[in-house]
């Protein structure tokens, strides 16, 4: 999924509309948003993205519109105390620092489009003179801070491979796309693995399971979910996928199902105990889910947790690893 702020900047560059980009570059204590949060402010009051909402965002919006009038970039340093946040309940007690960049669209349509599409790892930042510029991917903290007020590395989304195109997959796929995973769905049934049931952004791959499971992983952090139409097909996929370097692998089913499959795997020496221990079955966080949408939420909650744990700041909701100056 494209980054909405970067895409809006590309759209503004193409149309020639003046916009101001606000970025949170530092946080001390509690705050409603993290370093790297962005919002785009328009002259008519529209906002794309968010810096935390409420009075904080309203204050920054006023400053952003003023910066559009003057054409001057500026910084902000706001204390989220009792007086500042009373009306909106935003009494976090922390401080947020940031920059406001009027006419950020002037960096160019191609510049912002490449960041929005996130096809490769790219670094960019705001220099000490408020210039927006592409930079090399930093190899250490000292390099990342030289001449920059703010700098981040934008990375491609994590991959989520889903084996099975049934009801659970149909509920998980659109949710995963919204949560910044690149989704590929595999099945041997073209009647189900088609875009009548899945968003256009999902990649659908149809074929014999033996050929599908042999496909190599993409060159990004990858996760997997097995939700085929039955135990036999689940085990068939797991037989191959358990040997692939997924960061996390979940399979639908009960504890009894996992014991049955794992006992067979152990007897046939298909996988080691360590490999089987990496498989989450039943998959999903326990929220007493019953309906298909609830099951999808429980599954994706676990995948979000694992992504944060295993990938960390390299892949957050903004897909940016932020180096704070």
C-alpha atoms as a PDB file:
ATOM      1  CA  UNK A   1       0.000   0.000   0.000  1.00  0.00           C
ATOM      2  CA  UNK A   2       1.224   3.469  -0.886  1.00  0.00           C
ATOM      3  CA  UNK A   3       2.088   5.964   1.839  1.00  0.00           C
ATOM      4  CA  UNK A   4      -0.837   8.411   1.745  1.00  0.00           C
ATOM      5  CA  UNK A   5       1.188  11.506   2.666  1.00  0.00           C
ATOM      6  CA  UNK A   6       3.886  10.851   0.078  1.00  0.00           C
ATOM      7  CA  UNK A   7       1.229  10.091  -2.532  1.00  0.00           C
ATOM      8  CA  UNK A   8      -0.641  13.304  -1.678  1.00  0.00           C
ATOM      9  CA  UNK A   9       2.619  15.219  -2.099  1.00  0.00           C
ATOM     10  CA  UNK A  10       3.112  13.617  -5.515  1.00  0.00           C
ATOM     11  CA  UNK A  11      -0.447  14.600  -6.461  1.00  0.00           C
ATOM     12  CA  UNK A  12       0.164  18.176  -5.283  1.00  0.00           C
ATOM     13  CA  UNK A  13       3.396  18.334  -7.276  1.00  0.00           C
ATOM     14  CA  UNK A  14       1.570  17.192 -10.387  1.00  0.00           C
ATOM     15  CA  UNK A  15      -1.289  19.701  -9.952  1.00  0.00           C
ATOM     16  CA  UNK A  16       0.913  22.549  -8.691  1.00  0.00           C
ATOM     17  CA  UNK A  17      -1.102  22.943  -5.478  1.00  0.00           C
ATOM     18  CA  UNK A  18       0.798  24.482  -2.557  1.00  0.00           C
ATOM     19  CA  UNK A  19       0.878  22.321   0.581  1.00  0.00           C
ATOM     20  CA  UNK A  20       2.798  22.341   3.845  1.00  0.00           C
ATOM     21  CA  UNK A  21       4.367  19.187   5.243  1.00  0.00           C
ATOM     22  CA  UNK A  22       4.534  18.766   9.009  1.00  0.00           C
ATOM     23  CA  UNK A  23       6.799  16.123  10.555  1.00  0.00           C
ATOM     24  CA  UNK A  24       7.328  15.121  14.176  1.00  0.00           C
ATOM     25  CA  UNK A  25      11.116  14.918  14.502  1.00  0.00           C
ATOM     26  CA  UNK A  26      11.417  14.379  18.239  1.00  0.00           C
ATOM     27  CA  UNK A  27       9.446  13.281  21.289  1.00  0.00           C
ATOM     28  CA  UNK A  28      10.146  13.476  25.019  1.00  0.00           C
ATOM     29  CA  UNK A  29       7.824  11.645  27.371  1.00  0.00           C
ATOM     30  CA  UNK A  30       4.297  10.675  26.330  1.00  0.00           C
ATOM     31  CA  UNK A  31       2.764  11.897  23.095  1.00  0.00           C
ATOM     32  CA  UNK A  32      -0.101  10.874  20.783  1.00  0.00           C
ATOM     33  CA  UNK A  33       2.252  10.181  17.866  1.00  0.00           C
ATOM     34  CA  UNK A  34       5.763   8.872  17.352  1.00  0.00           C
ATOM     35  CA  UNK A  35       8.798  10.341  15.638  1.00  0.00           C
ATOM     36  CA  UNK A  36       8.228  10.213  11.896  1.00  0.00           C
ATOM     37  CA  UNK A  37       4.514  11.017  12.000  1.00  0.00           C
ATOM     38  CA  UNK A  38       3.540  13.249   9.090  1.00  0.00           C
ATOM     39  CA  UNK A  39       0.613  15.382   7.979  1.00  0.00           C
ATOM     40  CA  UNK A  40       0.007  17.442   4.890  1.00  0.00           C
ATOM     41  CA  UNK A  41      -1.828  20.743   5.365  1.00  0.00           C
ATOM     42  CA  UNK A  42      -3.779  22.517   2.618  1.00  0.00           C
ATOM     43  CA  UNK A  43      -4.820  26.157   2.399  1.00  0.00           C
ATOM     44  CA  UNK A  44      -8.515  25.193   2.524  1.00  0.00           C
ATOM     45  CA  UNK A  45      -8.154  23.325   5.825  1.00  0.00           C
ATOM     46  CA  UNK A  46      -7.824  19.780   4.524  1.00  0.00           C
ATOM     47  CA  UNK A  47      -5.341  17.452   6.205  1.00  0.00           C
ATOM     48  CA  UNK A  48      -3.796  14.214   4.908  1.00  0.00           C
ATOM     49  CA  UNK A  49      -2.116  12.024   7.488  1.00  0.00           C
ATOM     50  CA  UNK A  50      -1.963  12.941  11.159  1.00  0.00           C
ATOM     51  CA  UNK A  51       0.353  14.365  13.799  1.00  0.00           C
ATOM     52  CA  UNK A  52      -1.855  13.189  16.642  1.00  0.00           C
ATOM     53  CA  UNK A  53      -5.172  14.939  16.149  1.00  0.00           C
ATOM     54  CA  UNK A  54      -6.951  17.216  18.578  1.00  0.00           C
ATOM     55  CA  UNK A  55      -5.486  20.466  19.818  1.00  0.00           C
ATOM     56  CA  UNK A  56      -1.919  19.443  18.931  1.00  0.00           C
ATOM     57  CA  UNK A  57      -2.747  19.018  15.279  1.00  0.00           C
ATOM     58  CA  UNK A  58      -4.934  22.131  15.267  1.00  0.00           C
ATOM     59  CA  UNK A  59      -2.032  24.194  16.615  1.00  0.00           C
ATOM     60  CA  UNK A  60       0.367  22.830  14.006  1.00  0.00           C
ATOM     61  CA  UNK A  61      -2.228  23.360  11.276  1.00  0.00           C
ATOM     62  CA  UNK A  62      -2.454  27.067  12.129  1.00  0.00           C
ATOM     63  CA  UNK A  63       1.323  27.341  11.911  1.00  0.00           C
ATOM     64  CA  UNK A  64       1.366  25.373   8.642  1.00  0.00           C
ATOM     65  CA  UNK A  65      -1.193  27.635   6.986  1.00  0.00           C
ATOM     66  CA  UNK A  66       0.798  30.660   8.152  1.00  0.00           C
ATOM     67  CA  UNK A  67       3.932  29.122   6.653  1.00  0.00           C
ATOM     68  CA  UNK A  68       2.085  28.749   3.339  1.00  0.00           C
ATOM     69  CA  UNK A  69       1.326  32.474   3.453  1.00  0.00           C
ATOM     70  CA  UNK A  70       4.905  33.489   4.207  1.00  0.00           C
ATOM     71  CA  UNK A  71       6.698  30.695   2.357  1.00  0.00           C
ATOM     72  CA  UNK A  72       9.019  30.252   5.344  1.00  0.00           C
ATOM     73  CA  UNK A  73       9.874  26.907   6.910  1.00  0.00           C
ATOM     74  CA  UNK A  74       9.818  26.664  10.680  1.00  0.00           C
ATOM     75  CA  UNK A  75      10.211  24.330  13.611  1.00  0.00           C
ATOM     76  CA  UNK A  76       7.839  23.681  16.507  1.00  0.00           C
ATOM     77  CA  UNK A  77       8.380  22.698  20.126  1.00  0.00           C
ATOM     78  CA  UNK A  78       5.121  21.997  21.974  1.00  0.00           C
ATOM     79  CA  UNK A  79       4.557  20.902  25.572  1.00  0.00           C
ATOM     80  CA  UNK A  80       1.499  18.674  25.972  1.00  0.00           C
ATOM     81  CA  UNK A  81       0.600  19.905  29.438  1.00  0.00           C
ATOM     82  CA  UNK A  82      -2.625  20.458  31.326  1.00  0.00           C
ATOM     83  CA  UNK A  83      -3.294  23.886  29.836  1.00  0.00           C
ATOM     84  CA  UNK A  84      -2.517  22.888  26.279  1.00  0.00           C
ATOM     85  CA  UNK A  85      -4.579  19.721  26.191  1.00  0.00           C
ATOM     86  CA  UNK A  86      -7.515  20.268  28.521  1.00  0.00           C
ATOM     87  CA  UNK A  87     -10.236  20.752  25.894  1.00  0.00           C
ATOM     88  CA  UNK A  88      -9.302  17.625  23.955  1.00  0.00           C
ATOM     89  CA  UNK A  89      -8.133  15.482  26.836  1.00  0.00           C
ATOM     90  CA  UNK A  90      -4.612  15.562  25.417  1.00  0.00           C
ATOM     91  CA  UNK A  91      -2.751  15.849  28.708  1.00  0.00           C
ATOM     92  CA  UNK A  92       0.129  13.537  27.830  1.00  0.00           C
ATOM     93  CA  UNK A  93       2.752  15.492  29.713  1.00  0.00           C
ATOM     94  CA  UNK A  94       5.351  15.058  26.986  1.00  0.00           C
ATOM     95  CA  UNK A  95       6.932  17.337  24.412  1.00  0.00           C
ATOM     96  CA  UNK A  96       6.916  17.064  20.640  1.00  0.00           C
ATOM     97  CA  UNK A  97       9.359  18.695  18.250  1.00  0.00           C
ATOM     98  CA  UNK A  98       9.013  19.031  14.529  1.00  0.00           C
ATOM     99  CA  UNK A  99       9.362  20.922  11.292  1.00  0.00           C
ATOM    100  CA  UNK A 100       6.860  22.584   8.970  1.00  0.00           C
ATOM    101  CA  UNK A 101       7.851  22.778   5.310  1.00  0.00           C
ATOM    102  CA  UNK A 102       5.723  24.985   3.029  1.00  0.00           C
ATOM    103  CA  UNK A 103       5.604  24.103  -0.652  1.00  0.00           C
ATOM    104  CA  UNK A 104       7.012  20.653   0.032  1.00  0.00           C
ATOM    105  CA  UNK A 105       5.484  19.550  -3.271  1.00  0.00           C
ATOM    106  CA  UNK A 106       8.304  21.393  -5.036  1.00  0.00           C
ATOM    107  CA  UNK A 107      10.630  18.475  -4.312  1.00  0.00           C
ATOM    108  CA  UNK A 108       8.958  17.007  -7.382  1.00  0.00           C
ATOM    109  CA  UNK A 109       6.373  14.454  -8.431  1.00  0.00           C
ATOM    110  CA  UNK A 110       8.964  11.747  -9.146  1.00  0.00           C
ATOM    111  CA  UNK A 111      10.669  12.289  -5.781  1.00  0.00           C
ATOM    112  CA  UNK A 112       7.452  11.804  -3.800  1.00  0.00           C
ATOM    113  CA  UNK A 113       6.080   9.054  -6.046  1.00  0.00           C
ATOM    114  CA  UNK A 114       9.156   6.894  -5.501  1.00  0.00           C
ATOM    115  CA  UNK A 115       8.794   7.297  -1.738  1.00  0.00           C
ATOM    116  CA  UNK A 116       5.053   6.581  -1.930  1.00  0.00           C
ATOM    117  CA  UNK A 117       5.447   3.396  -3.956  1.00  0.00           C
ATOM    118  CA  UNK A 118       8.221   1.997  -1.718  1.00  0.00           C
ATOM    119  CA  UNK A 119       9.530  -0.416  -4.329  1.00  0.00           C
ATOM    120  CA  UNK A 120      13.026  -0.253  -2.869  1.00  0.00           C
ATOM    121  CA  UNK A 121      14.843   1.054   0.181  1.00  0.00           C
ATOM    122  CA  UNK A 122      15.255   4.825  -0.121  1.00  0.00           C
ATOM    123  CA  UNK A 123      16.572   7.471   2.267  1.00  0.00           C
ATOM    124  CA  UNK A 124      15.541  11.113   2.356  1.00  0.00           C
ATOM    125  CA  UNK A 125      15.522  13.921   4.858  1.00  0.00           C
ATOM    126  CA  UNK A 126      15.250  17.579   5.781  1.00  0.00           C
ATOM    127  CA  UNK A 127      18.594  19.373   5.880  1.00  0.00           C
ATOM    128  CA  UNK A 128      19.610  22.039   8.357  1.00  0.00           C
ATOM    129  CA  UNK A 129      18.549  24.722   5.881  1.00  0.00           C
ATOM    130  CA  UNK A 130      15.088  23.037   5.556  1.00  0.00           C
ATOM    131  CA  UNK A 131      15.874  21.687   2.089  1.00  0.00           C
ATOM    132  CA  UNK A 132      14.223  18.370   1.237  1.00  0.00           C
ATOM    133  CA  UNK A 133      16.718  15.977  -0.285  1.00  0.00           C
ATOM    134  CA  UNK A 134      17.419  12.363  -1.180  1.00  0.00           C
ATOM    135  CA  UNK A 135      20.331  10.864   0.718  1.00  0.00           C
ATOM    136  CA  UNK A 136      22.306   7.675   0.996  1.00  0.00           C
ATOM    137  CA  UNK A 137      21.051   4.979   3.342  1.00  0.00           C
ATOM    138  CA  UNK A 138      22.928   5.625   6.587  1.00  0.00           C
ATOM    139  CA  UNK A 139      25.170   2.901   7.923  1.00  0.00           C
ATOM    140  CA  UNK A 140      25.530   4.413  11.378  1.00  0.00           C
ATOM    141  CA  UNK A 141      23.910   6.981  13.635  1.00  0.00           C
ATOM    142  CA  UNK A 142      26.647   9.611  13.222  1.00  0.00           C
ATOM    143  CA  UNK A 143      26.323   9.514   9.461  1.00  0.00           C
ATOM    144  CA  UNK A 144      22.546   9.844   9.704  1.00  0.00           C
ATOM    145  CA  UNK A 145      22.695  13.110  11.687  1.00  0.00           C
ATOM    146  CA  UNK A 146      25.207  15.067   9.623  1.00  0.00           C
ATOM    147  CA  UNK A 147      23.605  18.152   8.075  1.00  0.00           C
ATOM    148  CA  UNK A 148      20.066  16.935   8.764  1.00  0.00           C
ATOM    149  CA  UNK A 149      17.231  18.134  10.992  1.00  0.00           C
ATOM    150  CA  UNK A 150      15.364  14.935  10.181  1.00  0.00           C
ATOM    151  CA  UNK A 151      16.123  11.795   8.243  1.00  0.00           C
ATOM    152  CA  UNK A 152      14.400   8.514   7.534  1.00  0.00           C
ATOM    153  CA  UNK A 153      14.798   5.395   5.479  1.00  0.00           C
ATOM    154  CA  UNK A 154      11.693   4.195   3.673  1.00  0.00           C
ATOM    155  CA  UNK A 155      11.507   0.446   3.105  1.00  0.00           C
ATOM    156  CA  UNK A 156       9.177  -1.853   1.145  1.00  0.00           C
ATOM    157  CA  UNK A 157       6.334  -3.417   3.136  1.00  0.00           C
ATOM    158  CA  UNK A 158       6.692  -6.833   4.704  1.00  0.00           C
ATOM    159  CA  UNK A 159       5.282  -9.688   2.642  1.00  0.00           C
ATOM    160  CA  UNK A 160       2.374 -11.824   3.820  1.00  0.00           C
ATOM    161  CA  UNK A 161       1.861 -15.120   1.993  1.00  0.00           C
ATOM    162  CA  UNK A 162      -1.543 -16.699   2.511  1.00  0.00           C
ATOM    163  CA  UNK A 163      -2.098 -20.340   1.539  1.00  0.00           C
ATOM    164  CA  UNK A 164      -5.787 -20.791   0.812  1.00  0.00           C
ATOM    165  CA  UNK A 165      -8.384 -18.506  -0.738  1.00  0.00           C
ATOM    166  CA  UNK A 166     -11.412 -19.344   1.395  1.00  0.00           C
ATOM    167  CA  UNK A 167     -13.477 -17.220   3.777  1.00  0.00           C
ATOM    168  CA  UNK A 168     -10.681 -16.599   6.302  1.00  0.00           C
ATOM    169  CA  UNK A 169      -8.224 -15.547   3.606  1.00  0.00           C
ATOM    170  CA  UNK A 170     -10.852 -13.302   2.015  1.00  0.00           C
ATOM    171  CA  UNK A 171     -11.289 -11.512   5.358  1.00  0.00           C
ATOM    172  CA  UNK A 172      -7.578 -11.398   6.246  1.00  0.00           C
ATOM    173  CA  UNK A 173      -6.247 -10.122   2.903  1.00  0.00           C
ATOM    174  CA  UNK A 174      -7.934  -6.684   2.784  1.00  0.00           C
ATOM    175  CA  UNK A 175      -7.202  -6.131   6.462  1.00  0.00           C
ATOM    176  CA  UNK A 176      -3.535  -7.039   5.954  1.00  0.00           C
ATOM    177  CA  UNK A 177      -3.279  -4.626   3.036  1.00  0.00           C
ATOM    178  CA  UNK A 178      -4.665  -1.843   5.218  1.00  0.00           C
ATOM    179  CA  UNK A 179      -2.074  -2.778   7.848  1.00  0.00           C
ATOM    180  CA  UNK A 180       0.808  -2.351   5.415  1.00  0.00           C
ATOM    181  CA  UNK A 181       1.563  -5.896   4.301  1.00  0.00           C
ATOM    182  CA  UNK A 182       2.094  -6.854   0.664  1.00  0.00           C
ATOM    183  CA  UNK A 183      -0.318  -9.772   0.278  1.00  0.00           C
ATOM    184  CA  UNK A 184       0.011 -12.806  -1.981  1.00  0.00           C
ATOM    185  CA  UNK A 185      -2.716 -15.462  -1.924  1.00  0.00           C
ATOM    186  CA  UNK A 186      -2.057 -19.016  -3.139  1.00  0.00           C
ATOM    187  CA  UNK A 187      -4.631 -21.638  -4.064  1.00  0.00           C
ATOM    188  CA  UNK A 188      -5.292 -24.418  -6.550  1.00  0.00           C
ATOM    189  CA  UNK A 189      -8.859 -23.193  -7.149  1.00  0.00           C
ATOM    190  CA  UNK A 190      -9.143 -20.368  -9.709  1.00  0.00           C
ATOM    191  CA  UNK A 191     -12.838 -20.036  -8.870  1.00  0.00           C
ATOM    192  CA  UNK A 192     -11.853 -18.660  -5.455  1.00  0.00           C
ATOM    193  CA  UNK A 193      -8.425 -17.146  -6.059  1.00  0.00           C
ATOM    194  CA  UNK A 194      -9.667 -14.241  -8.158  1.00  0.00           C
ATOM    195  CA  UNK A 195     -10.376 -10.564  -7.699  1.00  0.00           C
ATOM    196  CA  UNK A 196     -14.089 -11.119  -7.264  1.00  0.00           C
ATOM    197  CA  UNK A 197     -13.142 -12.078  -3.703  1.00  0.00           C
ATOM    198  CA  UNK A 198      -9.869 -10.227  -3.143  1.00  0.00           C
ATOM    199  CA  UNK A 199      -8.754  -6.587  -3.514  1.00  0.00           C
ATOM    200  CA  UNK A 200      -6.935  -5.636  -6.681  1.00  0.00           C
ATOM    201  CA  UNK A 201      -3.805  -4.904  -4.626  1.00  0.00           C
ATOM    202  CA  UNK A 202      -3.524  -8.567  -3.576  1.00  0.00           C
ATOM    203  CA  UNK A 203      -1.389 -10.792  -5.783  1.00  0.00           C
ATOM    204  CA  UNK A 204      -3.188 -14.052  -6.625  1.00  0.00           C
ATOM    205  CA  UNK A 205      -1.220 -17.136  -7.635  1.00  0.00           C
ATOM    206  CA  UNK A 206      -3.027 -20.267  -8.813  1.00  0.00           C
ATOM    207  CA  UNK A 207      -1.545 -23.689  -9.545  1.00  0.00           C
ATOM    208  CA  UNK A 208      -0.691 -27.076  -8.131  1.00  0.00           C
ATOM    209  CA  UNK A 209       0.280 -26.896  -4.475  1.00  0.00           C
ATOM    210  CA  UNK A 210       3.579 -28.665  -5.042  1.00  0.00           C
ATOM    211  CA  UNK A 211       4.612 -25.920  -7.461  1.00  0.00           C
ATOM    212  CA  UNK A 212       3.167 -23.080  -5.395  1.00  0.00           C
ATOM    213  CA  UNK A 213       4.981 -24.054  -2.215  1.00  0.00           C
ATOM    214  CA  UNK A 214       8.296 -24.289  -4.060  1.00  0.00           C
ATOM    215  CA  UNK A 215       8.269 -20.599  -5.024  1.00  0.00           C
ATOM    216  CA  UNK A 216      11.079 -18.509  -3.456  1.00  0.00           C
ATOM    217  CA  UNK A 217      10.351 -15.781  -0.931  1.00  0.00           C
ATOM    218  CA  UNK A 218      10.672 -12.116  -1.911  1.00  0.00           C
ATOM    219  CA  UNK A 219      13.655 -10.131  -0.720  1.00  0.00           C
ATOM    220  CA  UNK A 220      11.799  -8.473   2.167  1.00  0.00           C
ATOM    221  CA  UNK A 221      10.839  -9.648   5.673  1.00  0.00           C
ATOM    222  CA  UNK A 222       8.163 -12.286   5.052  1.00  0.00           C
ATOM    223  CA  UNK A 223       5.293 -13.754   7.064  1.00  0.00           C
ATOM    224  CA  UNK A 224       2.970 -16.661   6.266  1.00  0.00           C
ATOM    225  CA  UNK A 225      -0.549 -17.839   7.063  1.00  0.00           C
ATOM    226  CA  UNK A 226      -1.891 -21.292   6.212  1.00  0.00           C
ATOM    227  CA  UNK A 227      -5.688 -21.402   5.892  1.00  0.00           C
ATOM    228  CA  UNK A 228      -6.443 -23.961   3.174  1.00  0.00           C
ATOM    229  CA  UNK A 229      -9.650 -25.983   2.886  1.00  0.00           C
ATOM    230  CA  UNK A 230      -8.585 -28.853   5.132  1.00  0.00           C
ATOM    231  CA  UNK A 231      -5.995 -30.544   7.311  1.00  0.00           C
ATOM    232  CA  UNK A 232      -4.475 -32.476   4.404  1.00  0.00           C
ATOM    233  CA  UNK A 233      -3.812 -29.372   2.343  1.00  0.00           C
ATOM    234  CA  UNK A 234      -2.600 -27.434   5.398  1.00  0.00           C
ATOM    235  CA  UNK A 235      -0.067 -30.182   6.090  1.00  0.00           C
ATOM    236  CA  UNK A 236       0.938 -30.266   2.416  1.00  0.00           C
ATOM    237  CA  UNK A 237       1.747 -26.538   2.457  1.00  0.00           C
ATOM    238  CA  UNK A 238       3.368 -26.671   5.879  1.00  0.00           C
ATOM    239  CA  UNK A 239       5.645 -29.502   4.746  1.00  0.00           C
ATOM    240  CA  UNK A 240       7.446 -27.015   2.482  1.00  0.00           C
ATOM    241  CA  UNK A 241       6.806 -23.672   4.174  1.00  0.00           C
ATOM    242  CA  UNK A 242       8.170 -24.862   7.520  1.00  0.00           C
ATOM    243  CA  UNK A 243      11.598 -24.895   5.861  1.00  0.00           C
ATOM    244  CA  UNK A 244      11.358 -21.382   4.418  1.00  0.00           C
ATOM    245  CA  UNK A 245      12.836 -18.411   6.319  1.00  0.00           C
ATOM    246  CA  UNK A 246       9.532 -16.793   7.268  1.00  0.00           C
ATOM    247  CA  UNK A 247       9.847 -14.491  10.257  1.00  0.00           C
ATOM    248  CA  UNK A 248       6.536 -15.841  11.500  1.00  0.00           C
ATOM    249  CA  UNK A 249       4.349 -18.715  10.317  1.00  0.00           C
ATOM    250  CA  UNK A 250       0.786 -19.241  11.521  1.00  0.00           C
ATOM    251  CA  UNK A 251      -1.682 -22.016  10.724  1.00  0.00           C
ATOM    252  CA  UNK A 252      -5.420 -22.141  11.351  1.00  0.00           C
ATOM    253  CA  UNK A 253      -6.700 -24.971  13.506  1.00  0.00           C
ATOM    254  CA  UNK A 254      -6.887 -26.423  16.975  1.00  0.00           C
ATOM    255  CA  UNK A 255      -4.206 -27.594  19.359  1.00  0.00           C
ATOM    256  CA  UNK A 256      -5.278 -31.155  18.564  1.00  0.00           C
ATOM    257  CA  UNK A 257      -4.751 -30.529  14.848  1.00  0.00           C
ATOM    258  CA  UNK A 258      -1.256 -29.175  15.431  1.00  0.00           C
ATOM    259  CA  UNK A 259      -0.339 -32.191  17.592  1.00  0.00           C
ATOM    260  CA  UNK A 260      -1.569 -34.594  14.904  1.00  0.00           C
ATOM    261  CA  UNK A 261       0.367 -32.878  12.117  1.00  0.00           C
ATOM    262  CA  UNK A 262       3.510 -32.366  14.194  1.00  0.00           C
ATOM    263  CA  UNK A 263       3.531 -35.986  15.374  1.00  0.00           C
ATOM    264  CA  UNK A 264       3.392 -37.064  11.735  1.00  0.00           C
ATOM    265  CA  UNK A 265       6.170 -34.630  10.841  1.00  0.00           C
ATOM    266  CA  UNK A 266       8.310 -35.995  13.663  1.00  0.00           C
ATOM    267  CA  UNK A 267       7.712 -39.639  12.683  1.00  0.00           C
ATOM    268  CA  UNK A 268       8.522 -38.940   9.035  1.00  0.00           C
ATOM    269  CA  UNK A 269      11.447 -36.679   9.965  1.00  0.00           C
ATOM    270  CA  UNK A 270       9.905 -33.867   7.908  1.00  0.00           C
ATOM    271  CA  UNK A 271      10.859 -31.161  10.400  1.00  0.00           C
ATOM    272  CA  UNK A 272      12.861 -30.744  13.566  1.00  0.00           C
ATOM    273  CA  UNK A 273      11.266 -29.942  16.933  1.00  0.00           C
ATOM    274  CA  UNK A 274      12.780 -26.447  16.694  1.00  0.00           C
ATOM    275  CA  UNK A 275      11.158 -25.858  13.312  1.00  0.00           C
ATOM    276  CA  UNK A 276       7.782 -27.090  14.517  1.00  0.00           C
ATOM    277  CA  UNK A 277       7.984 -24.888  17.606  1.00  0.00           C
ATOM    278  CA  UNK A 278       8.124 -21.833  15.322  1.00  0.00           C
ATOM    279  CA  UNK A 279       4.667 -22.573  13.900  1.00  0.00           C
ATOM    280  CA  UNK A 280       1.783 -20.810  15.655  1.00  0.00           C
ATOM    281  CA  UNK A 281      -1.206 -23.153  15.621  1.00  0.00           C
ATOM    282  CA  UNK A 282      -3.834 -22.161  16.567  1.00  0.00           C
ATOM    283  CA  UNK A 283      -2.928 -18.824  14.994  1.00  0.00           C
ATOM    284  CA  UNK A 284      -4.318 -15.562  16.332  1.00  0.00           C
ATOM    285  CA  UNK A 285      -4.618 -13.750  19.618  1.00  0.00           C
ATOM    286  CA  UNK A 286      -7.314 -15.040  21.968  1.00  0.00           C
ATOM    287  CA  UNK A 287     -10.188 -12.535  21.819  1.00  0.00           C
ATOM    288  CA  UNK A 288     -13.051 -15.083  21.899  1.00  0.00           C
ATOM    289  CA  UNK A 289     -13.516 -14.602  18.180  1.00  0.00           C
ATOM    290  CA  UNK A 290     -16.289 -16.567  16.484  1.00  0.00           C
ATOM    291  CA  UNK A 291     -17.247 -14.862  13.232  1.00  0.00           C
ATOM    292  CA  UNK A 292     -14.931 -14.802  10.220  1.00  0.00           C
ATOM    293  CA  UNK A 293     -14.194 -11.042  10.562  1.00  0.00           C
ATOM    294  CA  UNK A 294     -13.396 -11.536  14.257  1.00  0.00           C
ATOM    295  CA  UNK A 295     -11.038 -14.399  13.424  1.00  0.00           C
ATOM    296  CA  UNK A 296      -9.325 -12.195  10.834  1.00  0.00           C
ATOM    297  CA  UNK A 297      -8.844  -9.464  13.442  1.00  0.00           C
ATOM    298  CA  UNK A 298      -7.358 -11.922  15.933  1.00  0.00           C
ATOM    299  CA  UNK A 299      -4.950 -13.258  13.307  1.00  0.00           C
ATOM    300  CA  UNK A 300      -3.773  -9.860  12.138  1.00  0.00           C
ATOM    301  CA  UNK A 301      -3.375  -8.655  15.718  1.00  0.00           C
ATOM    302  CA  UNK A 302      -0.827 -11.420  16.209  1.00  0.00           C
ATOM    303  CA  UNK A 303       0.929 -10.609  12.938  1.00  0.00           C
ATOM    304  CA  UNK A 304       1.166  -6.921  13.903  1.00  0.00           C
ATOM    305  CA  UNK A 305       2.652  -7.917  17.242  1.00  0.00           C
ATOM    306  CA  UNK A 306       5.185 -10.233  15.613  1.00  0.00           C
ATOM    307  CA  UNK A 307       6.130  -7.660  12.987  1.00  0.00           C
ATOM    308  CA  UNK A 308       6.834  -5.079  15.701  1.00  0.00           C
ATOM    309  CA  UNK A 309       8.819  -7.638  17.694  1.00  0.00           C
ATOM    310  CA  UNK A 310      10.828  -9.172  14.863  1.00  0.00           C
ATOM    311  CA  UNK A 311      11.256  -6.260  12.450  1.00  0.00           C
ATOM    312  CA  UNK A 312      10.932  -3.348  14.877  1.00  0.00           C
ATOM    313  CA  UNK A 313      11.566   0.204  13.695  1.00  0.00           C
ATOM    314  CA  UNK A 314      12.629  -0.994  10.279  1.00  0.00           C
ATOM    315  CA  UNK A 315       8.968  -1.539   9.443  1.00  0.00           C
ATOM    316  CA  UNK A 316       6.388   0.509  11.287  1.00  0.00           C
ATOM    317  CA  UNK A 317       3.023   1.830  10.121  1.00  0.00           C
ATOM    318  CA  UNK A 318       4.774   4.604   8.176  1.00  0.00           C
ATOM    319  CA  UNK A 319       7.278   2.102   6.785  1.00  0.00           C
ATOM    320  CA  UNK A 320      10.067   4.370   7.942  1.00  0.00           C
ATOM    321  CA  UNK A 321      13.107   3.797  10.081  1.00  0.00           C
ATOM    322  CA  UNK A 322      13.578   7.214  11.681  1.00  0.00           C
ATOM    323  CA  UNK A 323      16.931   8.547  12.762  1.00  0.00           C
ATOM    324  CA  UNK A 324      16.320  11.334  15.257  1.00  0.00           C
ATOM    325  CA  UNK A 325      18.761  14.233  15.207  1.00  0.00           C
END
